[in-house]
Protein backbone atom coordinates (compact mmCIF):
# COMPACT_ATOMS: atom_id res chain seq x y z
CA MET A 1 -11.67 2.07 12.50
CA GLU A 2 -15.15 0.66 13.11
CA ARG A 3 -14.57 -1.96 10.42
CA PHE A 4 -11.17 -2.82 11.90
CA GLY A 5 -12.75 -3.41 15.31
CA ASN A 6 -15.78 -5.37 14.07
CA ARG A 7 -14.80 -8.88 15.27
CA ARG A 8 -18.02 -10.52 14.12
CA ARG A 9 -17.63 -9.22 10.58
CA ALA A 10 -13.97 -10.23 10.47
CA PHE A 11 -14.81 -13.73 11.79
CA LEU A 12 -17.63 -14.31 9.28
CA PHE A 13 -15.51 -13.03 6.39
CA SER A 14 -12.60 -15.26 7.40
CA LEU A 15 -14.89 -18.28 7.81
CA PHE A 16 -16.38 -17.76 4.35
CA ALA A 17 -12.94 -17.24 2.77
CA SER A 18 -11.53 -20.31 4.52
CA ILE A 19 -14.33 -22.51 3.17
CA ILE A 20 -13.72 -21.35 -0.40
CA TRP A 21 -9.97 -21.71 0.09
CA SER A 22 -10.34 -25.23 1.52
CA VAL A 23 -12.51 -26.46 -1.34
CA LEU A 24 -10.07 -25.15 -3.96
CA ALA A 25 -6.82 -26.01 -2.16
CA ILE A 26 -7.82 -29.53 -1.06
CA SER A 27 -9.02 -30.32 -4.58
CA ILE A 28 -5.77 -29.09 -6.14
CA PHE A 29 -3.55 -30.78 -3.54
CA SER A 30 -5.46 -34.06 -3.84
CA ASN A 31 -5.11 -33.93 -7.62
CA PHE A 32 -1.34 -33.47 -7.36
CA ASN A 33 -1.20 -36.18 -4.69
CA HIS A 34 -3.24 -38.60 -6.86
CA GLY A 35 -5.62 -39.13 -3.97
CA PHE A 36 -7.24 -37.51 -0.95
CA ILE A 37 -4.62 -35.76 1.20
CA GLY A 38 -6.25 -36.95 4.43
CA LEU A 39 -8.32 -35.44 7.20
CA ALA A 40 -5.40 -34.06 9.23
CA ARG A 41 -3.89 -32.19 6.29
CA SER A 42 -7.35 -30.98 5.27
CA ILE A 43 -7.79 -29.45 8.73
CA ASP A 44 -4.34 -27.84 8.39
CA VAL A 45 -5.38 -26.38 5.03
CA TRP A 46 -8.57 -24.98 6.57
CA ILE A 47 -6.75 -23.45 9.57
CA PHE A 48 -4.23 -21.83 7.24
CA GLY A 49 -7.07 -20.54 5.05
CA PHE A 50 -8.86 -19.08 8.06
CA CYS A 51 -5.74 -17.25 9.29
CA ALA A 52 -4.10 -16.24 5.99
CA PRO A 53 -6.60 -15.76 3.13
CA GLY A 54 -9.27 -15.07 5.75
CA PHE A 55 -8.09 -12.58 8.38
CA VAL A 56 -5.16 -11.22 6.38
CA PHE A 57 -7.22 -10.52 3.26
CA TYR A 58 -10.00 -8.96 5.36
CA PHE A 59 -7.64 -6.39 6.86
CA PHE A 60 -5.71 -6.11 3.59
CA GLN A 61 -8.73 -4.88 1.63
CA ILE A 62 -9.57 -2.41 4.42
CA LEU A 63 -6.04 -1.01 4.30
CA ILE A 64 -6.24 -0.59 0.53
CA GLN A 65 -9.52 1.35 0.88
CA LEU A 66 -7.99 3.47 3.66
CA HIS A 67 -5.91 5.43 1.15
CA ASN A 68 -8.88 6.77 -0.78
CA ARG A 69 -10.74 7.65 2.41
CA LEU A 70 -7.84 9.58 3.93
CA GLY A 71 -7.20 11.28 0.60
CA ASN A 72 -10.62 12.99 0.82
CA TYR A 73 -9.85 14.83 4.07
CA HIS A 74 -8.34 18.28 4.47
CA TYR A 75 -5.20 18.62 6.59
CA ARG A 76 -3.27 21.42 8.21
CA VAL A 77 -0.10 21.37 6.16
CA TYR A 78 2.61 23.77 5.08
CA GLU A 79 0.70 25.41 2.24
CA LEU A 80 3.74 26.82 0.44
CA HIS A 81 5.29 23.34 0.11
CA PRO A 82 2.74 20.66 1.09
CA ALA A 83 4.97 17.73 0.09
CA GLN A 84 7.39 18.64 2.90
CA SER A 85 4.71 18.82 5.60
CA GLU A 86 4.91 16.71 8.73
CA VAL A 87 1.40 15.28 8.33
CA VAL A 88 2.16 14.15 4.76
CA ASN A 89 5.26 12.31 5.96
CA HIS A 90 3.21 10.67 8.73
CA LEU A 91 0.59 9.54 6.19
CA ALA A 92 3.30 8.14 3.91
CA THR A 93 4.61 6.10 6.83
CA LEU A 94 1.08 5.00 7.75
CA PHE A 95 0.51 3.72 4.22
CA SER A 96 3.70 1.64 4.12
CA ARG A 97 4.16 0.13 7.60
CA PRO A 98 1.14 -2.27 7.68
CA PHE A 99 2.12 -3.83 4.38
CA LEU A 100 5.67 -4.34 5.60
CA VAL A 101 4.23 -6.39 8.46
CA ILE A 102 2.13 -8.41 5.99
CA ALA A 103 5.22 -8.99 3.82
CA VAL A 104 7.12 -10.33 6.83
CA TYR A 105 4.13 -12.53 7.72
CA ILE A 106 3.93 -14.04 4.22
CA ALA A 107 7.70 -14.59 4.17
CA PHE A 108 7.45 -16.38 7.53
CA CYS A 109 4.57 -18.57 6.31
CA THR A 110 6.55 -19.40 3.17
CA LEU A 111 9.48 -20.64 5.23
CA ILE A 112 7.27 -22.66 7.61
CA ILE A 113 5.36 -24.37 4.80
CA SER A 114 8.58 -25.19 2.95
CA PHE A 115 10.13 -26.76 6.06
CA PHE A 116 7.17 -29.12 6.46
CA SER A 117 7.10 -30.27 2.85
CA GLN A 118 9.48 -30.13 -0.08
CA SER A 119 7.17 -31.64 -2.70
CA LEU A 120 6.86 -30.05 -6.11
CA TRP A 121 3.19 -29.06 -5.80
CA VAL A 122 3.83 -27.23 -2.53
CA THR A 123 6.71 -25.35 -4.17
CA ILE A 124 4.52 -24.37 -7.12
CA TRP A 125 1.71 -23.28 -4.79
CA ILE A 126 4.06 -21.10 -2.72
CA ALA A 127 5.40 -19.49 -5.90
CA ILE A 128 1.84 -18.66 -6.95
CA ILE A 129 1.12 -17.09 -3.54
CA VAL A 130 4.26 -14.94 -3.77
CA VAL A 131 3.33 -13.69 -7.25
CA LEU A 132 -0.28 -13.03 -6.22
CA PHE A 133 0.98 -11.10 -3.21
CA TRP A 134 2.87 -8.70 -5.47
CA ILE A 135 -0.27 -7.59 -7.33
CA PRO A 136 -2.12 -6.03 -4.33
CA MET A 137 1.17 -4.61 -3.03
CA ILE A 138 1.72 -2.70 -6.28
CA VAL A 139 -1.93 -1.59 -6.27
CA GLU A 140 -1.51 -0.45 -2.67
CA PHE A 141 1.59 1.55 -3.55
CA ILE A 142 -0.19 3.29 -6.44
CA ASN A 143 -3.28 4.03 -4.31
CA GLY A 144 -1.14 5.42 -1.50
CA GLN A 145 0.80 7.69 -3.83
CA ASN A 146 -2.42 8.88 -5.49
CA ALA A 147 -3.92 9.73 -2.10
CA LEU A 148 -0.82 11.68 -1.05
CA ASN A 149 -0.69 13.48 -4.41
CA LYS A 150 -4.37 14.37 -4.04
CA ILE A 151 -3.74 15.89 -0.59
CA ILE A 152 -0.68 17.79 -1.80
CA SER A 153 -2.32 19.06 -4.99
CA SER A 154 -5.50 20.15 -3.19
CA THR A 155 -3.55 22.10 -0.56
CA LYS A 156 -1.27 23.59 -3.20
CA TRP A 157 -4.20 24.98 -5.22
CA GLN A 158 -5.81 26.37 -2.09
CA ALA A 159 -2.64 28.35 -1.45
CA LEU A 160 -2.47 29.47 -5.10
CA ASN A 161 -6.10 30.63 -5.00
CA LYS A 162 -5.39 32.71 -1.90
CA ILE A 163 -2.42 34.35 -3.63
CA GLN A 164 -4.57 34.98 -6.72
CA ALA A 165 -7.17 36.69 -4.52
CA GLN A 166 -4.50 38.95 -3.02
CA ILE A 167 -3.14 39.79 -6.49
CA ARG A 168 -6.64 40.61 -7.71
CA LYS A 169 -7.23 42.80 -4.66
CA GLN A 170 -3.99 44.69 -5.29
CA GLN A 171 -4.87 45.23 -8.96
CA GLU A 172 -8.33 46.55 -8.12
CA SER A 173 -7.10 48.99 -5.47
CA LYS A 174 -7.03 52.71 -6.20
CA ASN A 175 -3.30 52.92 -5.60
CA SER A 176 -2.39 50.14 -8.02
CA ASP A 177 0.12 52.33 -9.87
CA THR A 178 2.15 53.33 -6.84
CA PRO A 179 5.69 51.90 -6.48
CA VAL A 180 4.77 50.23 -3.19
CA ASN A 181 1.81 48.45 -4.72
CA ILE A 182 3.82 47.39 -7.79
CA GLU A 183 6.53 45.97 -5.54
CA SER A 184 3.89 44.10 -3.55
CA LEU A 185 2.40 42.70 -6.76
CA ASN A 186 5.81 41.51 -7.92
CA ARG A 187 6.39 39.72 -4.62
CA LEU A 188 2.98 38.04 -4.80
CA MET A 189 3.63 36.95 -8.38
CA ASP A 190 7.04 35.56 -7.42
CA LEU A 191 5.44 33.70 -4.52
CA TYR A 192 2.79 32.32 -6.87
CA GLU A 193 5.45 31.02 -9.23
CA ARG A 194 7.40 29.41 -6.38
CA VAL A 195 4.34 27.63 -5.02
CA TYR A 196 3.22 26.62 -8.51
CA ASN A 197 6.62 25.09 -9.28
CA THR A 198 6.72 23.01 -6.10
CA SER A 199 6.32 19.30 -6.67
CA SER A 200 2.85 17.81 -6.33
CA LEU A 201 4.28 14.30 -6.03
CA LYS A 202 5.31 12.62 -2.80
CA ILE A 203 6.90 9.61 -4.51
CA THR A 204 10.60 9.45 -3.71
CA ALA A 205 13.49 7.08 -4.17
CA ARG A 206 13.01 6.00 -0.55
CA SER A 207 9.33 5.07 -0.99
CA THR A 208 10.14 3.14 -4.17
CA LEU A 209 12.96 1.31 -2.38
CA GLU A 210 10.59 0.43 0.48
CA LEU A 211 8.14 -1.07 -2.04
CA ILE A 212 10.90 -3.15 -3.63
CA ASN A 213 12.03 -4.37 -0.20
CA GLN A 214 8.46 -5.40 0.67
CA LEU A 215 8.10 -7.28 -2.61
CA LEU A 216 11.44 -9.04 -2.16
CA LEU A 217 10.78 -10.40 1.35
CA PRO A 218 8.46 -13.27 0.29
CA LEU A 219 10.65 -13.94 -2.75
CA VAL A 220 13.80 -14.20 -0.61
CA ALA A 221 11.98 -16.56 1.77
CA PHE A 222 10.91 -18.70 -1.17
CA LEU A 223 14.44 -18.81 -2.60
CA VAL A 224 15.95 -19.68 0.80
CA SER A 225 13.47 -22.49 1.41
CA ASN A 226 14.09 -23.88 -2.10
CA PHE A 227 17.80 -23.12 -2.30
CA ASP A 228 18.82 -26.56 -3.53
CA LYS A 229 16.24 -26.49 -6.34
CA VAL A 230 17.33 -23.01 -7.40
CA ILE A 231 20.98 -24.14 -7.56
CA LYS A 232 20.00 -27.15 -9.69
CA LEU A 233 18.00 -24.88 -11.98
CA PHE A 234 20.98 -22.62 -12.64
CA LYS A 235 23.29 -25.57 -13.10
């Protein structure tokens, strides 16, 4: 949260990223244009680089690191079935919502850029951005699932160790051969098996569908903005 709120660090990072972006983008655009693209368009490229590759990537890399950090904490969850705990569901939502916003943002930028120019090099550049966007999104999804699985697995083994301690205590008691104690041992062993067989994975069909929807948003925007070219391609 301190890194999120550090405006100076975010500004300096975005400024540095925008300079690198401008040097690369203006060079590539000028090469495709067979000449310098002009001062006005160069300023547009820099502003876009400051807002998109700058600020967005700054917060993007913090969000990706957030998974590993939150995965190292201990939470009060339902120990007998951690995957169905309220806090785990909240964390799963926390991991997916920010990237949905970023997906909408990139889709919006794709439409805006396409409306201003329909040249081939802009189309190619947008396609590259969409593909590059998918890579961190997939990495984010894997990191988020690993963090959730780590929380679930850690809590699950804590519960199993407690049950093991109770079983050991029952076995070492003086009245271990009594019917009551045997019945208690059987219940503890059944409970151990039930907890052990619970899933340690939070990944569901819903989370996978959410990832696919996030990946498709920029692609749909790209296809809509280049609909005539797509139709010609299929023809």
